[in-house]
Amino acid sequence: MNWEQLPNGKWRPQKKPIAPGKIDPDSPDYERRVRAGLKKKWVYCEDCKAKYNLADPCIHHLTDSPRDRKKYEIYKKARKEKAMSVETTRQGRL
């Protein structure tokens, strides 16, 4: 770690230079700024035939993050319940 001396004689960790237009990963509002940037990027999904933004992707384009894995598990559970209800209605009609 590099240190820099302040004009009053105290020392502090040296700040890394951040390029213009980039987000400092050490900033406290880093996640908020990244998510705001992802909300501006729209992509078309061929499976859904719809557009989605990168902050809230469709079910076919989820990441491996814990939040997205939980979203996928909820989707699978709902799909399974729907399939079970369709099966039971078919059996009742026979």
Protein backbone atom coordinates (compact mmCIF):
# COMPACT_ATOMS: atom_id res chain seq x y z
CA MET A 1 0.00 0.00 0.00
CA ASN A 2 1.34 3.40 -0.94
CA TRP A 3 0.97 6.38 1.38
CA GLU A 4 0.92 10.09 0.69
CA GLN A 5 1.76 12.90 3.07
CA LEU A 6 -0.84 15.61 3.54
CA PRO A 7 0.07 19.32 3.82
CA ASN A 8 -0.60 19.22 7.60
CA GLY A 9 2.02 16.48 8.05
CA LYS A 10 -0.37 13.53 8.44
CA TRP A 11 -0.29 10.45 6.22
CA ARG A 12 -3.12 8.72 4.39
CA PRO A 13 -3.39 5.87 1.86
CA GLN A 14 -2.69 7.09 -1.64
CA LYS A 15 -5.79 7.36 -3.83
CA LYS A 16 -5.85 5.47 -7.11
CA PRO A 17 -6.49 7.62 -10.18
CA ILE A 18 -9.88 6.88 -11.74
CA ALA A 19 -10.38 7.48 -15.46
CA PRO A 20 -13.08 9.96 -16.45
CA GLY A 21 -16.45 8.27 -16.94
CA LYS A 22 -15.49 5.27 -14.82
CA ILE A 23 -16.85 4.31 -11.39
CA ASP A 24 -14.54 3.95 -8.40
CA PRO A 25 -15.05 0.44 -6.97
CA ASP A 26 -14.08 1.71 -3.50
CA SER A 27 -16.90 4.28 -3.55
CA PRO A 28 -19.78 3.66 -1.11
CA ASP A 29 -22.38 4.18 -3.85
CA TYR A 30 -20.62 1.86 -6.34
CA GLU A 31 -23.42 -0.74 -6.52
CA ARG A 32 -26.14 1.88 -6.95
CA ARG A 33 -24.27 3.57 -9.81
CA VAL A 34 -23.52 0.27 -11.57
CA ARG A 35 -27.17 -0.85 -11.35
CA ALA A 36 -28.29 2.54 -12.68
CA GLY A 37 -25.99 2.04 -15.66
CA LEU A 38 -27.31 -1.49 -16.25
CA LYS A 39 -30.90 -0.20 -16.28
CA LYS A 40 -30.03 1.92 -19.32
CA LYS A 41 -28.86 -1.03 -21.44
CA TRP A 42 -31.64 -2.91 -23.26
CA VAL A 43 -31.26 -6.27 -25.03
CA TYR A 44 -33.70 -8.33 -27.12
CA CYS A 45 -34.36 -11.95 -26.08
CA GLU A 46 -35.15 -14.34 -28.93
CA ASP A 47 -36.76 -16.88 -26.56
CA CYS A 48 -39.14 -14.40 -24.92
CA LYS A 49 -39.57 -12.24 -28.03
CA ALA A 50 -39.26 -9.21 -25.77
CA LYS A 51 -36.73 -6.63 -24.62
CA TYR A 52 -35.18 -6.64 -21.14
CA ASN A 53 -32.66 -4.46 -19.36
CA LEU A 54 -29.44 -5.82 -17.88
CA ALA A 55 -30.40 -4.82 -14.33
CA ASP A 56 -33.46 -7.10 -14.47
CA PRO A 57 -32.77 -9.83 -17.07
CA CYS A 58 -35.34 -12.28 -18.38
CA ILE A 59 -35.36 -15.82 -17.04
CA HIS A 60 -33.20 -17.10 -19.91
CA HIS A 61 -30.35 -14.67 -19.26
CA LEU A 62 -29.91 -14.74 -15.48
CA THR A 63 -26.44 -14.50 -13.95
CA ASP A 64 -24.96 -16.78 -11.30
CA SER A 65 -25.53 -14.28 -8.50
CA PRO A 66 -27.45 -15.48 -5.42
CA ARG A 67 -30.29 -13.04 -6.18
CA ASP A 68 -30.71 -14.42 -9.71
CA ARG A 69 -30.43 -18.04 -8.56
CA LYS A 70 -33.26 -17.40 -6.12
CA LYS A 71 -35.33 -15.83 -8.91
CA TYR A 72 -34.72 -18.90 -11.09
CA GLU A 73 -35.73 -21.28 -8.27
CA ILE A 74 -39.00 -19.36 -7.84
CA TYR A 75 -39.59 -19.61 -11.60
CA LYS A 76 -38.94 -23.37 -11.61
CA LYS A 77 -41.27 -23.89 -8.64
CA ALA A 78 -44.09 -21.90 -10.29
CA ARG A 79 -43.60 -23.81 -13.54
CA LYS A 80 -43.70 -27.14 -11.71
CA GLU A 81 -46.89 -26.16 -9.85
CA LYS A 82 -48.51 -25.09 -13.10
CA ALA A 83 -47.61 -28.42 -14.72
CA MET A 84 -49.06 -30.32 -11.74
CA SER A 85 -52.32 -28.38 -11.93
CA VAL A 86 -52.60 -29.10 -15.65
CA GLU A 87 -52.01 -32.82 -14.99
CA THR A 88 -54.72 -32.99 -12.32
CA THR A 89 -57.28 -31.28 -14.53
CA ARG A 90 -56.52 -33.73 -17.33
CA GLN A 91 -57.01 -36.70 -15.01
CA GLY A 92 -60.36 -35.37 -13.81
CA ARG A 93 -61.69 -35.13 -17.34
CA LEU A 94 -60.97 -38.77 -18.20
